[in-house]
Amino acid sequence: MDRKETRRVKIGGVTIGGGAPVAIQSMLNRPSYDIEGSLLQAKSLQEAGCEIVRAAVPDKAAVQLIAALKEVLAIPVVADIHFDYRLAIESVAAGADKIRINPGNIGEESRVKAVVQACKAREVPIRVGVNSGSLEKEILKKYGAPTAAALAESALFHASLIERYDYDNIVLALKSSDVARTIESCRLARERCRYPFHLGVTEAGTRRMGLIKSAVGIGSLLCDGIGDTIRVSLSADPVEEIFAARDILRACGMRGGVNVISCPSCGRTRVAFVPLAEKVEKALAGVQKDITVAVMGCAVNGPGEAREADVGVACGDGCGLLFKKGEILYKVPEEEILPALLKLIEEC
């Protein structure tokens, strides 16, 4: 995939942009005053594969969470700031690796300048985040609604406020709960700048619909070559966001690991196929081999259609035909399909 060229930005030990791998982000959802619970959740996210974690800093007491996270995590920590510019400055002092602000909601220009100077002194990048609910009155009046063009103009204007103070260590994020608007706004802004982009569909929803909306929005932009970090926003355990993000990247060919392909099954299927496909996917969830595994319900969608798979099984009447690169190896009874397939994968 031909990715758009962007500037390189270093967030702690993670580099984004400039051709670096797309990084997976998530955000803590424990109350900011629950330090112990937040640390446990952050560790779980890190173990699941989160590469950048964000924490809300709604008040001065929450700044201590940033310092606590820095003590226990090996991944970068982002401080999410709204309204009070002093919290951004204090979070930088506490060790935040990136600051997320909307320059439009922290007040007069002198406050923006103070945040930029604090970040510049420690080379901490600033993520300019805009969404449909945070647009300035002037831009809303100009466009009449939070359109894609309005989001793009707002993001670029806020980036220009930071640039005034000779600082371009910037990441842009343009999000909407409307998938099409999110896609269009990122495309518009990307045409006018070379900053790295953080992608996501805001307020995407529950595990089911949130994943679908995120896959469409984030996936479309990744396939355009746009995007340097992603966050799948779900009303669920944040660990689920990591799994979803990894799957989206894998579907776009931007992450390794096992790629399981399986047919929907039909009236020709003569085994308990859906449970078999689910068991295969679950068994391979933690396997890091870059291989494609095919699970097919019958000979029609078997070795022929899945010949590009590294290994696979085509189910028959109470049995399964194991194959490799389209070549049939041997037949096993239904109850032996799963262990036989896993053994074949282990040998790859």
Protein backbone atom coordinates (compact mmCIF):
# COMPACT_ATOMS: atom_id res chain seq x y z
CA MET A 1 0.00 0.00 0.00
CA ASP A 2 1.31 3.43 -0.98
CA ARG A 3 1.21 5.54 2.18
CA LYS A 4 1.18 9.34 2.00
CA GLU A 5 4.44 10.96 3.00
CA THR A 6 4.29 12.73 6.36
CA ARG A 7 6.67 14.29 8.83
CA ARG A 8 8.16 12.07 11.50
CA VAL A 9 7.06 12.70 15.07
CA LYS A 10 8.52 10.96 18.09
CA ILE A 11 6.15 10.18 20.96
CA GLY A 12 8.34 8.87 23.74
CA GLY A 13 9.98 5.78 22.27
CA VAL A 14 7.46 5.45 19.41
CA THR A 15 8.01 7.14 16.06
CA ILE A 16 5.02 7.86 13.85
CA GLY A 17 4.88 9.28 10.33
CA GLY A 18 7.57 9.21 7.72
CA GLY A 19 6.81 5.60 6.81
CA ALA A 20 6.91 4.24 10.37
CA PRO A 21 4.40 1.47 11.19
CA VAL A 22 0.90 2.63 12.14
CA ALA A 23 0.72 2.68 15.95
CA ILE A 24 -2.22 1.41 18.03
CA GLN A 25 -3.63 3.70 20.70
CA SER A 26 -6.29 3.42 23.37
CA MET A 27 -7.55 5.51 26.26
CA LEU A 28 -8.10 4.73 29.92
CA ASN A 29 -11.73 4.85 31.03
CA ARG A 30 -11.31 4.50 34.78
CA PRO A 31 -12.03 7.69 36.80
CA SER A 32 -8.88 9.81 36.81
CA TYR A 33 -8.81 9.81 40.62
CA ASP A 34 -8.69 5.99 40.64
CA ILE A 35 -4.92 5.76 40.30
CA GLU A 36 -4.66 2.08 41.20
CA GLY A 37 -7.46 1.03 38.85
CA SER A 38 -6.04 3.17 36.04
CA LEU A 39 -2.58 1.64 36.44
CA LEU A 40 -4.01 -1.89 36.32
CA GLN A 41 -5.99 -1.03 33.21
CA ALA A 42 -2.98 0.59 31.56
CA LYS A 43 -0.89 -2.52 32.21
CA SER A 44 -3.61 -4.68 30.67
CA LEU A 45 -3.65 -2.47 27.59
CA GLN A 46 0.12 -2.66 27.26
CA GLU A 47 0.05 -6.46 27.55
CA ALA A 48 -2.68 -6.63 24.88
CA GLY A 49 -0.51 -4.71 22.41
CA CYS A 50 -1.39 -1.06 22.99
CA GLU A 51 1.52 1.08 21.81
CA ILE A 52 0.39 4.53 23.02
CA VAL A 53 -2.01 5.13 25.90
CA ARG A 54 -4.02 8.29 26.60
CA ALA A 55 -5.39 9.48 29.92
CA ALA A 56 -7.85 12.27 30.65
CA VAL A 57 -6.54 15.10 32.86
CA PRO A 58 -9.70 16.96 33.91
CA ASP A 59 -8.22 18.64 36.99
CA LYS A 60 -4.98 19.28 38.84
CA ALA A 61 -5.29 16.13 40.95
CA ALA A 62 -5.32 14.03 37.76
CA VAL A 63 -1.81 15.21 36.82
CA GLN A 64 -0.41 12.74 39.32
CA LEU A 65 -1.89 9.94 37.19
CA ILE A 66 0.46 10.93 34.35
CA ALA A 67 3.48 10.64 36.63
CA ALA A 68 2.24 7.31 38.01
CA LEU A 69 1.69 5.88 34.53
CA LYS A 70 5.19 6.89 33.48
CA GLU A 71 6.62 4.91 36.39
CA VAL A 72 5.00 1.59 35.42
CA LEU A 73 4.60 1.63 31.63
CA ALA A 74 7.06 1.04 28.84
CA ILE A 75 4.78 2.71 26.28
CA PRO A 76 4.23 6.46 25.75
CA VAL A 77 1.60 8.33 27.76
CA VAL A 78 -0.60 11.07 26.27
CA ALA A 79 -2.32 13.67 28.46
CA ASP A 80 -5.80 14.63 27.22
CA ILE A 81 -6.45 18.29 28.04
CA HIS A 82 -9.54 20.44 27.66
CA PHE A 83 -10.16 24.05 28.73
CA ASP A 84 -7.40 24.57 31.34
CA TYR A 85 -4.07 25.25 29.65
CA ARG A 86 -2.25 24.97 32.98
CA LEU A 87 -3.05 21.26 33.11
CA ALA A 88 -1.18 20.82 29.82
CA ILE A 89 1.89 22.57 31.20
CA GLU A 90 1.79 20.56 34.42
CA SER A 91 1.32 17.29 32.49
CA VAL A 92 4.42 18.03 30.44
CA ALA A 93 6.33 18.60 33.66
CA ALA A 94 4.96 15.28 34.98
CA GLY A 95 6.48 13.44 32.01
CA ALA A 96 3.69 13.24 29.41
CA ASP A 97 5.05 12.09 26.05
CA LYS A 98 2.38 13.94 24.08
CA ILE A 99 -0.31 16.53 24.81
CA ARG A 100 -3.73 16.38 23.22
CA ILE A 101 -5.42 19.77 23.08
CA ASN A 102 -7.93 21.70 21.08
CA PRO A 103 -6.35 25.18 20.93
CA GLY A 104 -9.80 26.64 20.39
CA ASN A 105 -11.09 25.69 23.83
CA ILE A 106 -8.17 26.71 26.03
CA GLY A 107 -8.70 30.43 25.70
CA GLU A 108 -6.67 33.40 24.53
CA GLU A 109 -3.56 33.19 22.38
CA SER A 110 -1.19 33.73 25.30
CA ARG A 111 -2.37 30.43 26.77
CA VAL A 112 -1.72 28.57 23.54
CA LYS A 113 1.73 30.14 23.48
CA ALA A 114 2.43 28.98 27.04
CA VAL A 115 1.49 25.39 26.19
CA VAL A 116 3.60 25.42 23.03
CA GLN A 117 6.61 26.79 24.87
CA ALA A 118 6.34 24.09 27.55
CA CYS A 119 6.10 21.37 24.92
CA LYS A 120 8.88 22.86 22.82
CA ALA A 121 11.26 22.94 25.79
CA ARG A 122 10.94 19.16 26.17
CA GLU A 123 10.23 18.28 22.53
CA VAL A 124 6.80 16.95 23.45
CA PRO A 125 4.49 16.70 20.42
CA ILE A 126 1.06 18.29 20.41
CA ARG A 127 -1.93 16.48 19.01
CA VAL A 128 -4.50 18.92 17.67
CA GLY A 129 -7.84 17.19 18.11
CA VAL A 130 -11.03 18.55 16.58
CA ASN A 131 -14.44 16.95 16.29
CA SER A 132 -17.95 17.88 15.33
CA GLY A 133 -18.76 19.11 18.82
CA SER A 134 -15.71 21.32 19.29
CA LEU A 135 -15.86 23.66 16.31
CA GLU A 136 -15.56 27.42 16.85
CA LYS A 137 -18.66 29.56 16.47
CA GLU A 138 -17.11 31.45 13.55
CA ILE A 139 -16.47 28.28 11.56
CA LEU A 140 -19.90 26.87 12.35
CA LYS A 141 -21.45 30.14 11.19
CA LYS A 142 -19.41 30.04 8.00
CA TYR A 143 -20.38 26.48 7.05
CA GLY A 144 -23.76 26.27 8.75
CA ALA A 145 -22.98 22.87 10.25
CA PRO A 146 -20.00 20.74 11.33
CA THR A 147 -19.22 19.71 7.76
CA ALA A 148 -16.08 17.93 6.65
CA ALA A 149 -14.72 21.19 5.25
CA ALA A 150 -15.40 22.90 8.59
CA LEU A 151 -13.48 20.20 10.48
CA ALA A 152 -10.54 20.45 8.09
CA GLU A 153 -10.41 24.24 8.33
CA SER A 154 -10.58 24.14 12.12
CA ALA A 155 -7.77 21.59 12.44
CA LEU A 156 -5.47 23.46 10.08
CA PHE A 157 -6.21 26.78 11.75
CA HIS A 158 -5.34 25.37 15.16
CA ALA A 159 -2.13 23.88 13.77
CA SER A 160 -1.26 27.34 12.45
CA LEU A 161 -1.63 28.78 15.98
CA ILE A 162 1.08 26.38 17.14
CA GLU A 163 3.25 27.08 14.10
CA ARG A 164 3.28 30.79 15.03
CA TYR A 165 5.67 29.94 17.82
CA ASP A 166 8.09 28.09 15.56
CA TYR A 167 6.89 24.64 16.52
CA ASP A 168 5.74 21.97 14.10
CA ASN A 169 5.91 18.83 16.26
CA ILE A 170 2.21 18.33 15.54
CA VAL A 171 -0.21 15.44 15.02
CA LEU A 172 -3.68 16.07 13.61
CA ALA A 173 -6.90 14.26 14.52
CA LEU A 174 -10.20 15.02 12.83
CA LYS A 175 -13.10 12.95 14.09
CA SER A 176 -16.85 12.78 13.82
CA SER A 177 -19.47 10.25 14.86
CA ASP A 178 -20.50 10.37 11.20
CA VAL A 179 -18.24 7.94 9.33
CA ALA A 180 -18.44 9.60 5.92
CA ARG A 181 -17.73 13.03 7.44
CA THR A 182 -14.69 11.65 9.26
CA ILE A 183 -13.29 10.19 6.06
CA GLU A 184 -13.91 13.30 3.98
CA SER A 185 -12.50 15.71 6.56
CA CYS A 186 -9.25 13.75 6.87
CA ARG A 187 -8.89 13.59 3.10
CA LEU A 188 -9.42 17.35 2.80
CA ALA A 189 -6.94 18.21 5.55
CA ARG A 190 -4.38 15.73 4.24
CA GLU A 191 -4.31 17.52 0.88
CA ARG A 192 -3.16 20.71 2.62
CA CYS A 193 -0.52 19.49 5.08
CA ARG A 194 2.09 16.85 5.77
CA TYR A 195 1.49 16.32 9.47
CA PRO A 196 0.94 12.75 10.67
CA PHE A 197 -2.69 11.84 11.33
CA HIS A 198 -4.30 10.07 14.26
CA LEU A 199 -7.42 8.25 13.00
CA GLY A 200 -10.64 7.31 14.68
CA VAL A 201 -14.42 7.60 14.53
CA THR A 202 -15.51 9.39 17.70
CA GLU A 203 -18.44 8.14 19.74
CA ALA A 204 -18.56 5.12 17.46
CA GLY A 205 -20.76 3.12 19.80
CA THR A 206 -20.89 -0.31 21.37
CA ARG A 207 -18.67 -3.29 20.58
CA ARG A 208 -20.79 -4.32 17.57
CA MET A 209 -21.60 -1.05 15.80
CA GLY A 210 -18.51 0.73 17.07
CA LEU A 211 -16.31 -1.87 15.45
CA ILE A 212 -18.21 -1.68 12.16
CA LYS A 213 -18.08 2.13 12.01
CA SER A 214 -14.39 2.17 12.97
CA ALA A 215 -13.49 -0.49 10.45
CA VAL A 216 -15.18 1.48 7.66
CA GLY A 217 -13.82 4.88 8.69
CA ILE A 218 -10.31 3.94 9.73
CA GLY A 219 -9.96 1.22 7.11
CA SER A 220 -10.99 3.53 4.26
CA LEU A 221 -8.40 6.12 5.23
CA LEU A 222 -5.66 3.54 5.75
CA CYS A 223 -6.38 2.17 2.28
CA ASP A 224 -5.99 5.76 1.01
CA GLY A 225 -2.53 5.78 2.55
CA ILE A 226 -3.64 8.18 5.31
CA GLY A 227 -3.04 7.50 8.99
CA ASP A 228 -0.13 7.08 11.37
CA THR A 229 -1.87 6.14 14.63
CA ILE A 230 -5.35 4.72 15.21
CA ARG A 231 -7.77 4.35 18.06
CA VAL A 232 -10.91 2.23 17.80
CA SER A 233 -13.41 3.99 20.07
CA LEU A 234 -15.74 1.47 21.72
CA SER A 235 -18.20 1.60 24.61
CA ALA A 236 -16.47 -1.46 26.03
CA ASP A 237 -13.35 -2.62 27.82
CA PRO A 238 -10.47 -0.66 26.19
CA VAL A 239 -8.60 -3.94 25.69
CA GLU A 240 -11.25 -4.76 23.08
CA GLU A 241 -10.11 -1.63 21.22
CA ILE A 242 -6.60 -3.07 20.89
CA PHE A 243 -7.82 -6.34 19.42
CA ALA A 244 -10.10 -4.47 17.02
CA ALA A 245 -7.34 -2.08 15.94
CA ARG A 246 -4.96 -4.94 15.29
CA ASP A 247 -7.59 -6.72 13.21
CA ILE A 248 -8.26 -3.60 11.15
CA LEU A 249 -4.56 -3.16 10.45
CA ARG A 250 -4.24 -6.82 9.55
CA ALA A 251 -7.23 -6.59 7.18
CA CYS A 252 -5.51 -3.63 5.48
CA GLY A 253 -2.30 -5.63 5.13
CA MET A 254 -0.46 -3.42 7.62
CA ARG A 255 0.13 -5.94 10.43
CA GLY A 256 1.36 -9.49 10.50
CA GLY A 257 -0.06 -12.50 12.29
CA VAL A 258 -2.40 -15.28 11.21
CA ASN A 259 -5.04 -14.33 8.66
CA VAL A 260 -7.99 -16.70 8.96
CA ILE A 261 -10.29 -16.87 5.96
CA SER A 262 -13.50 -18.89 6.12
CA CYS A 263 -16.59 -19.26 3.99
CA PRO A 264 -20.12 -18.46 5.25
CA SER A 265 -21.13 -22.12 4.75
CA CYS A 266 -24.23 -23.24 2.86
CA GLY A 267 -26.55 -26.21 2.32
CA ARG A 268 -23.64 -28.34 1.13
CA THR A 269 -21.94 -28.22 4.54
CA ARG A 270 -21.98 -31.54 6.38
CA VAL A 271 -20.03 -30.72 9.56
CA ALA A 272 -20.52 -28.33 12.52
CA PHE A 273 -18.74 -25.65 10.54
CA VAL A 274 -19.38 -22.34 12.32
CA PRO A 275 -18.16 -23.66 15.71
CA LEU A 276 -15.11 -25.09 13.93
CA ALA A 277 -14.23 -21.74 12.31
CA GLU A 278 -14.66 -19.95 15.64
CA LYS A 279 -12.44 -22.47 17.45
CA VAL A 280 -9.72 -22.10 14.81
CA GLU A 281 -9.79 -18.30 15.08
CA LYS A 282 -9.68 -18.44 18.89
CA ALA A 283 -6.82 -20.96 18.92
CA LEU A 284 -4.74 -18.80 16.57
CA ALA A 285 -5.44 -15.43 18.22
CA GLY A 286 -1.99 -15.21 19.81
CA VAL A 287 0.02 -16.84 17.02
CA GLN A 288 2.39 -14.39 15.34
CA LYS A 289 3.19 -16.36 12.18
CA ASP A 290 2.52 -14.43 8.98
CA ILE A 291 0.39 -17.09 7.34
CA THR A 292 -3.09 -17.42 5.86
CA VAL A 293 -5.27 -20.25 7.15
CA ALA A 294 -8.40 -21.27 5.23
CA VAL A 295 -11.39 -22.97 6.84
CA MET A 296 -13.85 -24.00 4.13
CA GLY A 297 -17.23 -25.67 4.51
CA CYS A 298 -17.13 -27.93 1.46
CA ALA A 299 -15.09 -28.97 -1.55
CA VAL A 300 -16.58 -26.18 -3.70
CA ASN A 301 -14.86 -23.54 -1.58
CA GLY A 302 -11.98 -25.83 -0.72
CA PRO A 303 -8.44 -26.20 -2.03
CA GLY A 304 -9.27 -24.54 -5.34
CA GLU A 305 -10.75 -21.26 -4.13
CA ALA A 306 -8.37 -21.10 -1.17
CA ARG A 307 -5.28 -22.22 -3.04
CA GLU A 308 -3.40 -19.08 -2.02
CA ALA A 309 -3.77 -19.98 1.65
CA ASP A 310 -0.69 -21.44 3.28
CA VAL A 311 -2.71 -24.20 4.94
CA GLY A 312 -6.36 -25.05 5.34
CA VAL A 313 -9.16 -27.54 5.56
CA ALA A 314 -12.05 -28.27 3.22
CA CYS A 315 -14.85 -30.04 5.06
CA GLY A 316 -16.69 -33.00 3.61
CA ASP A 317 -19.40 -35.32 4.87
CA GLY A 318 -18.27 -35.78 8.47
CA CYS A 319 -14.62 -35.27 7.59
CA GLY A 320 -12.03 -32.70 6.53
CA LEU A 321 -9.45 -32.55 3.76
CA LEU A 322 -6.26 -30.89 4.98
CA PHE A 323 -4.35 -29.00 2.30
CA LYS A 324 -1.27 -26.87 1.84
CA LYS A 325 -0.91 -24.30 -0.94
CA GLY A 326 -3.90 -25.90 -2.69
CA GLU A 327 -2.47 -29.43 -2.57
CA ILE A 328 -4.55 -31.98 -0.64
CA LEU A 329 -2.47 -33.78 1.99
CA TYR A 330 -4.81 -36.15 3.82
CA LYS A 331 -8.32 -36.69 5.20
CA VAL A 332 -9.34 -36.79 8.86
CA PRO A 333 -12.67 -37.44 10.61
CA GLU A 334 -14.62 -34.42 11.83
CA GLU A 335 -13.55 -34.72 15.47
CA GLU A 336 -9.88 -34.60 14.43
CA ILE A 337 -10.07 -31.59 12.10
CA LEU A 338 -9.09 -28.94 14.68
CA PRO A 339 -6.06 -30.73 16.21
CA ALA A 340 -4.87 -31.84 12.77
CA LEU A 341 -5.11 -28.32 11.37
CA LEU A 342 -3.34 -26.80 14.38
CA LYS A 343 -0.55 -29.37 14.05
CA LEU A 344 -0.17 -28.50 10.37
CA ILE A 345 0.04 -24.79 11.25
CA GLU A 346 2.65 -25.53 13.92
CA GLU A 347 4.80 -27.20 11.27
CA CYS A 348 4.70 -24.15 8.97
